Amino acid sequence: MNIGVLGTGTVGQTIASRLVELGHSVTMGARQAGNENATAWAAAHHGRAGTFAEAAAFGALVINCTNGAGALDALAAAGEANLAGKVLIDVTNPLDFSAGMPPTLTVANTDSLAERIQAAYPATKVVKSLNTVTASVMVRPDTVPGDHVVFVAGEDAGAKEITRGLLGEFGWPEARVLDLGGIRAARGMEMYLPLWLSLYGALGVGAFNIAVHAAK
């Protein structure tokens, strides 16, 4: 599949590299053509580098790995026409580091970044997923032992099925992909991040995750 990955940081590079390993064709998008991170990644992984618009146009599926605070600007640069009708997997978190650590959330409680993205791009099928684990666990869940879960949320059932399929390629067993319903569930997924950061501080390592068990 042709996949556009928006973002050149750790998450973008980790996801893009795994996608290439799995046989997908990937264009990594950046704000400007010739971005050093994107160009270096493309050379090392036989991928392509381009602008946000070029990556979004290339991908039959698009993954948003940009910084949460700049995600809407990045998607505007990607272009509404290049995103229309496509599945957009949003893995970003609305973290604000302007006041130092720990970060706060730019949006919470009654809204979420994913909801804002869906509202801004109604013709795009937004699915929130993978934002509750660190990059290495996103693409290789067996990094963490045991029965732990990843979440999906979105309005389009078909888009969520496509997302579940990609998660399966990454190594997430079907039973460990928990569908939380519509895109409004992204509020809780994003608000989990302050707890994730506290867990990271307590454990001293980012390769961890949570399990969900229901009483029988």
Protein backbone atom coordinates (compact mmCIF):
# COMPACT_ATOMS: atom_id res chain seq x y z
CA MET A 1 0.00 0.00 0.00
CA ASN A 2 1.10 3.58 -0.60
CA ILE A 3 1.21 5.31 2.79
CA GLY A 4 1.99 8.92 3.61
CA VAL A 5 3.61 9.55 6.99
CA LEU A 6 3.40 13.14 8.18
CA GLY A 7 6.20 14.00 10.58
CA THR A 8 9.94 13.39 10.71
CA GLY A 9 10.50 12.84 14.42
CA THR A 10 10.99 9.62 16.35
CA VAL A 11 7.38 8.46 15.94
CA GLY A 12 7.25 9.25 12.24
CA GLN A 13 10.57 7.57 11.52
CA THR A 14 9.75 4.51 13.63
CA ILE A 15 6.38 3.96 11.98
CA ALA A 16 7.67 4.69 8.48
CA SER A 17 10.61 2.30 8.88
CA ARG A 18 8.36 -0.50 10.07
CA LEU A 19 5.95 0.08 7.18
CA VAL A 20 8.77 -0.24 4.66
CA GLU A 21 9.96 -3.40 6.41
CA LEU A 22 6.43 -4.79 5.99
CA GLY A 23 6.49 -4.09 2.26
CA HIS A 24 4.59 -0.81 2.03
CA SER A 25 5.68 2.15 -0.08
CA VAL A 26 6.14 5.21 2.12
CA THR A 27 6.57 8.93 1.55
CA MET A 28 7.63 10.88 4.63
CA GLY A 29 6.27 14.41 4.67
CA ALA A 30 7.80 17.50 6.24
CA ARG A 31 6.90 21.18 6.30
CA GLN A 32 9.50 21.96 3.67
CA ALA A 33 10.98 20.01 0.79
CA GLY A 34 14.51 18.83 1.44
CA ASN A 35 14.00 18.33 5.18
CA GLU A 36 17.20 16.74 6.48
CA ASN A 37 15.50 14.11 8.65
CA ALA A 38 13.12 13.04 5.89
CA THR A 39 15.84 12.97 3.25
CA ALA A 40 18.17 10.91 5.45
CA TRP A 41 15.37 8.50 6.34
CA ALA A 42 14.41 8.05 2.69
CA ALA A 43 17.99 7.32 1.68
CA ALA A 44 18.42 4.76 4.45
CA HIS A 45 15.10 2.97 3.97
CA HIS A 46 14.44 3.17 0.22
CA GLY A 47 11.49 5.44 0.86
CA ARG A 48 10.53 8.86 -0.43
CA ALA A 49 10.77 12.29 1.13
CA GLY A 50 8.59 15.28 0.34
CA THR A 51 6.35 17.96 1.73
CA PHE A 52 3.24 17.29 3.80
CA ALA A 53 1.18 17.84 0.66
CA GLU A 54 3.26 15.41 -1.38
CA ALA A 55 3.08 12.72 1.30
CA ALA A 56 -0.68 13.14 1.71
CA ALA A 57 -1.24 13.00 -2.05
CA PHE A 58 0.93 9.87 -2.32
CA GLY A 59 -0.76 7.90 0.42
CA ALA A 60 -3.87 5.82 -0.02
CA LEU A 61 -3.69 5.97 3.78
CA VAL A 62 -2.11 8.79 5.80
CA ILE A 63 -0.63 8.62 9.30
CA ASN A 64 -0.35 11.85 11.28
CA CYS A 65 2.82 11.72 13.39
CA THR A 66 3.36 15.46 13.70
CA ASN A 67 3.77 17.42 16.90
CA GLY A 68 0.34 17.74 18.49
CA ALA A 69 0.58 21.49 18.97
CA GLY A 70 1.21 21.95 15.25
CA ALA A 71 -0.93 19.12 13.89
CA LEU A 72 -3.73 21.25 12.47
CA ASP A 73 -1.24 23.53 10.73
CA ALA A 74 0.53 20.49 9.32
CA LEU A 75 -2.72 19.04 8.00
CA ALA A 76 -3.61 22.40 6.45
CA ALA A 77 -0.28 22.25 4.65
CA ALA A 78 -1.06 18.68 3.58
CA GLY A 79 -4.19 20.00 1.90
CA GLU A 80 -7.86 19.15 2.28
CA ALA A 81 -8.05 17.73 -1.26
CA ASN A 82 -5.12 15.39 -0.59
CA LEU A 83 -6.83 14.03 2.54
CA ALA A 84 -10.42 13.81 1.30
CA GLY A 85 -11.89 10.32 1.29
CA LYS A 86 -8.81 8.79 2.91
CA VAL A 87 -8.22 7.12 6.26
CA LEU A 88 -6.11 9.35 8.50
CA ILE A 89 -4.65 7.54 11.50
CA ASP A 90 -3.90 10.16 14.14
CA VAL A 91 -1.23 9.12 16.64
CA THR A 92 -0.53 12.60 17.99
CA ASN A 93 -1.01 13.98 21.49
CA PRO A 94 -1.84 17.64 22.26
CA LEU A 95 1.11 18.18 24.59
CA ASP A 96 2.24 21.70 25.48
CA PHE A 97 5.86 21.95 26.65
CA SER A 98 5.95 25.77 26.66
CA ALA A 99 6.01 25.91 30.47
CA GLY A 100 8.51 23.07 30.79
CA MET A 101 7.97 19.66 32.31
CA PRO A 102 5.59 18.10 32.90
CA PRO A 103 3.66 19.24 29.84
CA THR A 104 0.02 20.22 29.90
CA LEU A 105 -2.64 19.46 27.29
CA THR A 106 -3.66 22.08 24.74
CA VAL A 107 -7.15 20.57 24.60
CA ALA A 108 -8.93 18.28 27.07
CA ASN A 109 -12.15 17.35 28.88
CA THR A 110 -14.80 18.59 26.45
CA ASP A 111 -12.80 18.23 23.23
CA SER A 112 -9.80 16.46 21.76
CA LEU A 113 -7.26 17.05 19.05
CA ALA A 114 -8.65 14.15 17.05
CA GLU A 115 -12.14 15.64 17.18
CA ARG A 116 -10.79 18.98 15.98
CA ILE A 117 -9.06 17.23 13.10
CA GLN A 118 -12.23 15.38 12.15
CA ALA A 119 -14.26 18.60 12.34
CA ALA A 120 -11.74 20.44 10.17
CA TYR A 121 -11.67 17.61 7.59
CA PRO A 122 -15.15 16.10 7.46
CA ALA A 123 -14.41 14.25 4.21
CA THR A 124 -11.48 12.46 5.88
CA LYS A 125 -11.96 9.31 7.94
CA VAL A 126 -10.04 10.03 11.14
CA VAL A 127 -9.09 7.14 13.43
CA LYS A 128 -7.31 7.79 16.72
CA SER A 129 -4.87 5.04 17.66
CA LEU A 130 -1.37 4.23 18.96
CA ASN A 131 -1.06 7.48 20.93
CA THR A 132 -1.03 5.67 24.30
CA VAL A 133 2.28 3.84 23.81
CA THR A 134 5.82 4.84 22.94
CA ALA A 135 7.02 4.56 19.35
CA SER A 136 8.86 1.25 19.71
CA VAL A 137 5.80 -0.42 21.22
CA MET A 138 3.53 1.01 18.51
CA VAL A 139 5.20 -1.06 15.82
CA ARG A 140 6.48 -4.01 17.88
CA PRO A 141 4.04 -4.72 20.72
CA ASP A 142 5.95 -7.85 21.72
CA THR A 143 8.57 -5.45 23.10
CA VAL A 144 6.34 -5.52 26.19
CA PRO A 145 5.44 -8.97 27.51
CA GLY A 146 1.94 -9.95 28.46
CA ASP A 147 -1.61 -9.18 27.42
CA HIS A 148 -1.64 -5.42 26.84
CA VAL A 149 -3.92 -3.37 24.60
CA VAL A 150 -4.08 -0.64 22.01
CA PHE A 151 -7.17 1.47 21.36
CA VAL A 152 -8.99 2.71 18.27
CA ALA A 153 -11.67 5.39 18.03
CA GLY A 154 -13.40 6.88 15.02
CA GLU A 155 -16.71 7.46 13.29
CA ASP A 156 -16.18 5.25 10.23
CA ALA A 157 -16.35 1.49 10.80
CA GLY A 158 -14.52 0.69 7.58
CA ALA A 159 -11.69 3.07 8.47
CA LYS A 160 -11.33 1.37 11.84
CA GLU A 161 -11.15 -2.04 10.14
CA ILE A 162 -8.37 -0.78 7.88
CA THR A 163 -6.58 0.55 10.96
CA ARG A 164 -7.03 -2.77 12.77
CA GLY A 165 -5.50 -4.52 9.77
CA LEU A 166 -2.43 -2.30 9.88
CA LEU A 167 -2.15 -2.80 13.65
CA GLY A 168 -2.24 -6.54 12.99
CA GLU A 169 0.68 -6.17 10.60
CA PHE A 170 2.57 -4.36 13.35
CA GLY A 171 1.94 -7.37 15.59
CA TRP A 172 -1.11 -6.39 17.63
CA PRO A 173 -3.33 -9.47 18.03
CA GLU A 174 -6.99 -8.88 17.15
CA ALA A 175 -8.05 -9.48 20.76
CA ARG A 176 -5.72 -6.73 21.99
CA VAL A 177 -7.19 -3.99 19.78
CA LEU A 178 -9.97 -2.38 21.81
CA ASP A 179 -12.53 -0.32 19.87
CA LEU A 180 -13.74 2.54 22.09
CA GLY A 181 -16.40 3.75 19.65
CA GLY A 182 -16.67 7.19 18.05
CA ILE A 183 -14.03 9.86 17.78
CA ARG A 184 -15.20 11.44 21.05
CA ALA A 185 -13.39 8.59 22.84
CA ALA A 186 -10.15 10.27 21.76
CA ARG A 187 -10.63 12.62 24.72
CA GLY A 188 -9.82 9.89 27.20
CA MET A 189 -7.08 8.46 25.00
CA GLU A 190 -5.32 11.81 24.86
CA MET A 191 -5.92 12.63 28.54
CA TYR A 192 -4.18 9.38 29.46
CA LEU A 193 -0.87 11.01 28.53
CA PRO A 194 -0.29 12.80 31.86
CA LEU A 195 -0.63 9.41 33.56
CA TRP A 196 1.64 7.83 30.94
CA LEU A 197 4.28 10.43 31.74
CA SER A 198 3.98 9.72 35.47
CA LEU A 199 4.33 5.99 34.80
CA TYR A 200 7.37 6.69 32.65
CA GLY A 201 8.92 8.65 35.50
CA ALA A 202 8.18 5.90 37.99
CA LEU A 203 9.40 3.05 35.77
CA GLY A 204 12.33 4.85 34.19
CA VAL A 205 11.56 3.29 30.81
CA GLY A 206 9.07 4.07 28.04
CA ALA A 207 8.55 0.50 26.81
CA PHE A 208 5.49 -0.36 28.91
CA ASN A 209 1.76 -0.61 28.40
CA ILE A 210 -1.49 -1.34 30.21
CA ALA A 211 -3.84 -4.30 30.04
CA VAL A 212 -7.62 -4.20 30.35
CA HIS A 213 -9.47 -7.14 31.88
CA ALA A 214 -13.23 -7.31 32.33
CA ALA A 215 -14.96 -9.37 35.01
CA LYS A 216 -16.75 -12.45 33.77
